[in-house]
């Protein structure tokens, strides 16, 4: 993507570190590029490398631009089954994970938090 290369060159021209100041226009362009790259299935790290902006900065801008408040606790219910220590995790969005033991459920819940 040629425009992506030019955008990264413009970012690089701003210098290094915390002293970088992004114009509102550049932020919009970067967020547009983030949307395209994430839609293609690129990881946040690959997107950050492609654009020359830190992963955390891009994620923060992305979530702020969508009204997200970032990572937050969400309620989950753990359903117990009659199969001993095997449970089911159902998220508020409806994702259902079955067949996990207690340790695996704890790990999953930490990853979702």
N, C-alpha and C. Protein backbone atom coordinates (compact mmCIF):
# COMPACT_ATOMS: atom_id res chain seq x y z
N UNK A 1 0.85 -1.17 0.00
CA UNK A 1 0.00 0.00 0.00
C UNK A 1 0.90 1.24 0.00
N UNK A 2 0.91 1.94 -1.09
CA UNK A 2 1.82 3.07 -1.27
C UNK A 2 1.52 4.21 -0.28
N UNK A 3 0.25 4.52 -0.09
CA UNK A 3 -0.10 5.61 0.81
C UNK A 3 0.29 5.29 2.25
N UNK A 4 0.29 4.01 2.59
CA UNK A 4 0.71 3.59 3.92
C UNK A 4 2.20 3.91 4.13
N UNK A 5 3.00 3.66 3.11
CA UNK A 5 4.43 3.97 3.20
C UNK A 5 4.64 5.47 3.36
N UNK A 6 3.89 6.26 2.60
CA UNK A 6 4.03 7.72 2.71
C UNK A 6 3.58 8.21 4.09
N UNK A 7 2.52 7.62 4.62
CA UNK A 7 2.04 8.00 5.94
C UNK A 7 3.10 7.68 6.99
N UNK A 8 3.73 6.51 6.90
CA UNK A 8 4.79 6.16 7.85
C UNK A 8 5.97 7.13 7.72
N UNK A 9 6.30 7.53 6.52
CA UNK A 9 7.39 8.49 6.32
C UNK A 9 7.05 9.82 6.99
N UNK A 10 5.80 10.25 6.90
CA UNK A 10 5.38 11.49 7.57
C UNK A 10 5.45 11.35 9.08
N UNK A 11 5.09 10.18 9.59
CA UNK A 11 5.19 9.93 11.04
C UNK A 11 6.65 9.96 11.46
N UNK A 12 7.50 9.28 10.70
CA UNK A 12 8.93 9.25 11.03
C UNK A 12 9.54 10.65 11.03
N UNK A 13 9.04 11.53 10.16
CA UNK A 13 9.57 12.89 10.08
C UNK A 13 9.25 13.72 11.33
N UNK A 14 8.31 13.25 12.14
CA UNK A 14 7.96 13.97 13.38
C UNK A 14 9.00 13.81 14.47
N UNK A 15 9.93 12.88 14.28
CA UNK A 15 10.95 12.66 15.30
C UNK A 15 10.62 11.45 16.14
N UNK A 16 11.34 11.32 17.24
CA UNK A 16 11.20 10.16 18.11
C UNK A 16 10.61 10.52 19.46
N UNK A 17 10.02 9.54 20.10
CA UNK A 17 9.63 9.64 21.50
C UNK A 17 8.41 10.47 21.80
N UNK A 18 8.34 10.89 23.06
CA UNK A 18 7.17 11.59 23.58
C UNK A 18 7.00 13.00 23.04
N UNK A 19 8.03 13.53 22.42
CA UNK A 19 7.93 14.90 21.92
C UNK A 19 7.13 14.98 20.61
N UNK A 20 6.80 13.83 20.04
CA UNK A 20 6.01 13.82 18.80
C UNK A 20 4.65 14.46 19.05
N UNK A 21 4.24 15.29 18.12
CA UNK A 21 2.91 15.90 18.18
C UNK A 21 2.20 15.57 16.88
N UNK A 22 1.09 14.86 16.98
CA UNK A 22 0.32 14.46 15.81
C UNK A 22 -0.82 15.45 15.60
N UNK A 23 -0.97 15.92 14.40
CA UNK A 23 -2.11 16.80 14.11
C UNK A 23 -3.38 15.96 14.11
N UNK A 24 -4.51 16.63 14.28
CA UNK A 24 -5.79 15.92 14.24
C UNK A 24 -5.98 15.23 12.90
N UNK A 25 -5.54 15.88 11.84
CA UNK A 25 -5.66 15.30 10.50
C UNK A 25 -4.84 14.02 10.39
N UNK A 26 -3.62 14.04 10.93
CA UNK A 26 -2.77 12.86 10.87
C UNK A 26 -3.36 11.73 11.71
N UNK A 27 -3.93 12.06 12.86
CA UNK A 27 -4.56 11.03 13.69
C UNK A 27 -5.69 10.36 12.93
N UNK A 28 -6.50 11.14 12.22
CA UNK A 28 -7.60 10.57 11.44
C UNK A 28 -7.04 9.64 10.36
N UNK A 29 -5.99 10.08 9.68
CA UNK A 29 -5.37 9.24 8.64
C UNK A 29 -4.82 7.95 9.25
N UNK A 30 -4.17 8.07 10.40
CA UNK A 30 -3.62 6.89 11.05
C UNK A 30 -4.73 5.93 11.48
N UNK A 31 -5.82 6.48 12.02
CA UNK A 31 -6.93 5.62 12.43
C UNK A 31 -7.60 4.96 11.24
N UNK A 32 -7.67 5.65 10.12
CA UNK A 32 -8.20 5.03 8.90
C UNK A 32 -7.33 3.85 8.49
N UNK A 33 -6.01 4.05 8.55
CA UNK A 33 -5.08 2.98 8.21
C UNK A 33 -5.20 1.82 9.20
N UNK A 34 -5.36 2.14 10.48
CA UNK A 34 -5.55 1.10 11.49
C UNK A 34 -6.78 0.26 11.12
N UNK A 35 -7.87 0.92 10.77
CA UNK A 35 -9.09 0.20 10.41
C UNK A 35 -8.88 -0.75 9.25
N UNK A 36 -8.18 -0.28 8.22
CA UNK A 36 -7.91 -1.12 7.05
C UNK A 36 -7.05 -2.32 7.43
N UNK A 37 -5.97 -2.06 8.17
CA UNK A 37 -5.05 -3.13 8.52
C UNK A 37 -5.67 -4.14 9.48
N UNK A 38 -6.43 -3.65 10.45
CA UNK A 38 -7.08 -4.57 11.39
C UNK A 38 -8.16 -5.39 10.68
N UNK A 39 -8.86 -4.78 9.73
CA UNK A 39 -9.87 -5.50 8.95
C UNK A 39 -9.22 -6.64 8.16
N UNK A 40 -7.99 -6.44 7.74
CA UNK A 40 -7.24 -7.47 7.02
C UNK A 40 -6.74 -8.58 7.94
N UNK A 41 -6.88 -8.36 9.25
CA UNK A 41 -6.46 -9.37 10.20
C UNK A 41 -5.08 -9.15 10.79
N UNK A 42 -4.52 -7.97 10.57
CA UNK A 42 -3.18 -7.68 11.11
C UNK A 42 -3.26 -7.49 12.63
N UNK A 43 -2.23 -7.95 13.32
CA UNK A 43 -2.17 -7.77 14.78
C UNK A 43 -1.87 -6.31 15.10
N UNK A 44 -2.14 -5.92 16.34
CA UNK A 44 -1.83 -4.56 16.76
C UNK A 44 -0.34 -4.27 16.62
N UNK A 45 0.51 -5.26 16.94
CA UNK A 45 1.96 -5.05 16.82
C UNK A 45 2.36 -4.80 15.37
N UNK A 46 1.80 -5.56 14.44
CA UNK A 46 2.14 -5.37 13.03
C UNK A 46 1.63 -4.03 12.52
N UNK A 47 0.45 -3.63 12.98
CA UNK A 47 -0.10 -2.33 12.59
C UNK A 47 0.83 -1.22 13.09
N UNK A 48 1.25 -1.33 14.35
CA UNK A 48 2.14 -0.32 14.93
C UNK A 48 3.45 -0.25 14.16
N UNK A 49 4.01 -1.39 13.81
CA UNK A 49 5.26 -1.40 13.03
C UNK A 49 5.05 -0.76 11.66
N UNK A 50 3.93 -1.06 11.02
CA UNK A 50 3.68 -0.53 9.68
C UNK A 50 3.51 0.98 9.68
N UNK A 51 2.97 1.53 10.79
CA UNK A 51 2.68 2.95 10.85
C UNK A 51 3.74 3.76 11.58
N UNK A 52 4.59 3.09 12.34
CA UNK A 52 5.63 3.80 13.08
C UNK A 52 5.14 4.51 14.31
N UNK A 53 4.00 4.06 14.84
CA UNK A 53 3.41 4.64 16.06
C UNK A 53 3.30 3.50 17.07
N UNK A 54 3.49 3.80 18.34
CA UNK A 54 3.45 2.73 19.33
C UNK A 54 2.09 2.05 19.35
N UNK A 55 2.15 0.78 19.67
CA UNK A 55 0.95 -0.04 19.73
C UNK A 55 -0.06 0.54 20.73
N UNK A 56 0.42 0.91 21.90
CA UNK A 56 -0.48 1.43 22.93
C UNK A 56 -1.13 2.74 22.51
N UNK A 57 -0.39 3.61 21.84
CA UNK A 57 -0.96 4.86 21.37
C UNK A 57 -2.06 4.60 20.36
N UNK A 58 -1.81 3.72 19.40
CA UNK A 58 -2.82 3.41 18.39
C UNK A 58 -4.06 2.78 19.02
N UNK A 59 -3.85 1.86 19.95
CA UNK A 59 -5.01 1.21 20.60
C UNK A 59 -5.83 2.23 21.39
N UNK A 60 -5.12 3.12 22.11
CA UNK A 60 -5.83 4.14 22.90
C UNK A 60 -6.66 5.03 21.99
N UNK A 61 -6.03 5.53 20.91
CA UNK A 61 -6.76 6.38 19.96
C UNK A 61 -7.95 5.64 19.37
N UNK A 62 -7.75 4.38 19.02
CA UNK A 62 -8.80 3.56 18.39
C UNK A 62 -10.01 3.44 19.31
N UNK A 63 -9.74 3.08 20.55
CA UNK A 63 -10.85 2.90 21.49
C UNK A 63 -11.51 4.24 21.84
N UNK A 64 -10.72 5.29 22.00
CA UNK A 64 -11.28 6.61 22.28
C UNK A 64 -12.15 7.09 21.12
N UNK A 65 -11.72 6.80 19.89
CA UNK A 65 -12.48 7.25 18.72
C UNK A 65 -13.82 6.53 18.60
N UNK A 66 -13.95 5.40 19.26
CA UNK A 66 -15.18 4.63 19.22
C UNK A 66 -15.99 4.74 20.50
N UNK A 67 -15.53 5.59 21.40
CA UNK A 67 -16.25 5.78 22.65
C UNK A 67 -16.02 4.69 23.67
N UNK A 68 -15.06 3.79 23.39
CA UNK A 68 -14.73 2.75 24.35
C UNK A 68 -13.96 3.37 25.50
N UNK A 69 -14.11 2.79 26.65
CA UNK A 69 -13.33 3.25 27.79
C UNK A 69 -12.16 2.33 28.07
N UNK A 70 -11.79 1.54 27.07
CA UNK A 70 -10.66 0.63 27.24
C UNK A 70 -11.07 -0.64 27.97
N UNK A 71 -10.09 -1.30 28.54
CA UNK A 71 -10.33 -2.55 29.23
C UNK A 71 -11.15 -2.29 30.48
N UNK A 72 -12.16 -3.07 30.66
CA UNK A 72 -12.98 -2.95 31.86
C UNK A 72 -13.50 -4.34 32.24
N UNK A 73 -13.91 -4.46 33.45
CA UNK A 73 -14.46 -5.72 33.90
C UNK A 73 -15.83 -5.93 33.29
N UNK A 74 -16.10 -7.14 32.92
CA UNK A 74 -17.41 -7.49 32.39
C UNK A 74 -17.93 -8.67 33.19
N UNK A 75 -19.23 -8.72 33.40
CA UNK A 75 -19.77 -9.85 34.16
C UNK A 75 -19.72 -11.14 33.34
N UNK A 76 -19.36 -12.22 33.98
CA UNK A 76 -19.41 -13.54 33.35
C UNK A 76 -20.09 -14.49 34.31
N UNK A 77 -20.66 -15.52 33.78
CA UNK A 77 -21.26 -16.55 34.61
C UNK A 77 -20.54 -17.85 34.33
N UNK A 78 -20.19 -18.56 35.37
CA UNK A 78 -19.56 -19.87 35.23
C UNK A 78 -20.62 -20.90 35.58
N UNK A 79 -20.98 -21.70 34.59
CA UNK A 79 -22.01 -22.74 34.79
C UNK A 79 -21.32 -24.04 35.16
N UNK A 80 -21.76 -24.67 36.21
CA UNK A 80 -21.17 -25.95 36.63
C UNK A 80 -21.92 -27.09 35.96
N UNK A 81 -21.18 -28.09 35.58
CA UNK A 81 -21.80 -29.26 34.96
C UNK A 81 -21.62 -30.45 35.89
N UNK A 82 -22.25 -31.52 35.56
CA UNK A 82 -22.14 -32.72 36.39
C UNK A 82 -20.87 -33.52 36.08
N UNK A 83 -20.04 -33.01 35.20
CA UNK A 83 -18.83 -33.73 34.79
C UNK A 83 -17.64 -33.36 35.66
N UNK A 84 -17.82 -33.26 36.94
CA UNK A 84 -16.72 -32.98 37.85
C UNK A 84 -16.27 -31.54 37.80
N UNK A 85 -14.99 -31.31 37.58
CA UNK A 85 -14.43 -29.98 37.58
C UNK A 85 -14.43 -29.33 36.20
N UNK A 86 -15.35 -29.72 35.34
CA UNK A 86 -15.44 -29.15 34.00
C UNK A 86 -16.57 -28.14 34.00
N UNK A 87 -16.30 -26.95 33.45
CA UNK A 87 -17.31 -25.90 33.45
C UNK A 87 -17.51 -25.28 32.10
N UNK A 88 -18.40 -24.32 32.07
CA UNK A 88 -18.73 -23.58 30.86
C UNK A 88 -18.61 -22.11 31.18
N UNK A 89 -17.98 -21.34 30.29
CA UNK A 89 -17.89 -19.90 30.43
C UNK A 89 -18.71 -19.29 29.31
N UNK A 90 -19.63 -18.39 29.68
CA UNK A 90 -20.44 -17.68 28.69
C UNK A 90 -20.24 -16.19 28.92
N UNK A 91 -19.76 -15.47 27.91
CA UNK A 91 -19.53 -14.04 28.04
C UNK A 91 -20.82 -13.28 27.77
N UNK A 92 -20.89 -12.01 28.15
CA UNK A 92 -22.09 -11.23 27.88
C UNK A 92 -22.42 -11.12 26.39
N UNK A 93 -21.41 -11.23 25.53
CA UNK A 93 -21.67 -11.16 24.09
C UNK A 93 -22.15 -12.50 23.53
N UNK A 94 -22.19 -13.54 24.37
CA UNK A 94 -22.72 -14.82 23.94
C UNK A 94 -21.68 -15.86 23.58
N UNK A 95 -20.40 -15.52 23.67
CA UNK A 95 -19.37 -16.52 23.39
C UNK A 95 -19.43 -17.58 24.48
N UNK A 96 -19.43 -18.85 24.06
CA UNK A 96 -19.55 -19.95 25.00
C UNK A 96 -18.33 -20.86 24.86
N UNK A 97 -17.68 -21.14 25.98
CA UNK A 97 -16.52 -22.02 25.99
C UNK A 97 -16.83 -23.14 26.98
N UNK A 98 -16.78 -24.39 26.49
CA UNK A 98 -17.11 -25.54 27.33
C UNK A 98 -15.91 -26.45 27.50
N UNK A 99 -15.96 -27.27 28.55
CA UNK A 99 -14.98 -28.32 28.74
C UNK A 99 -13.70 -27.90 29.42
N UNK A 100 -13.69 -26.75 30.06
CA UNK A 100 -12.48 -26.27 30.73
C UNK A 100 -12.47 -26.71 32.19
N UNK A 101 -11.28 -27.05 32.68
CA UNK A 101 -11.18 -27.29 34.12
C UNK A 101 -11.05 -25.93 34.81
N UNK A 102 -11.00 -25.93 36.12
CA UNK A 102 -11.00 -24.68 36.88
C UNK A 102 -9.79 -23.82 36.53
N UNK A 103 -8.61 -24.41 36.40
CA UNK A 103 -7.40 -23.64 36.09
C UNK A 103 -7.51 -23.00 34.71
N UNK A 104 -8.02 -23.74 33.74
CA UNK A 104 -8.17 -23.21 32.39
C UNK A 104 -9.21 -22.09 32.37
N UNK A 105 -10.30 -22.25 33.14
CA UNK A 105 -11.30 -21.18 33.21
C UNK A 105 -10.70 -19.91 33.81
N UNK A 106 -9.90 -20.07 34.85
CA UNK A 106 -9.27 -18.91 35.48
C UNK A 106 -8.35 -18.20 34.49
N UNK A 107 -7.60 -18.99 33.72
CA UNK A 107 -6.70 -18.41 32.72
C UNK A 107 -7.48 -17.67 31.63
N UNK A 108 -8.58 -18.27 31.19
CA UNK A 108 -9.43 -17.64 30.18
C UNK A 108 -10.01 -16.31 30.71
N UNK A 109 -10.50 -16.32 31.93
CA UNK A 109 -11.08 -15.11 32.51
C UNK A 109 -10.04 -14.00 32.65
N UNK A 110 -8.80 -14.37 33.01
CA UNK A 110 -7.72 -13.37 33.08
C UNK A 110 -7.44 -12.79 31.70
N UNK A 111 -7.45 -13.63 30.68
CA UNK A 111 -7.18 -13.17 29.31
C UNK A 111 -8.30 -12.27 28.80
N UNK A 112 -9.53 -12.53 29.22
CA UNK A 112 -10.67 -11.72 28.77
C UNK A 112 -10.77 -10.39 29.52
N UNK A 113 -10.15 -10.31 30.69
CA UNK A 113 -10.26 -9.08 31.50
C UNK A 113 -9.47 -7.95 30.90
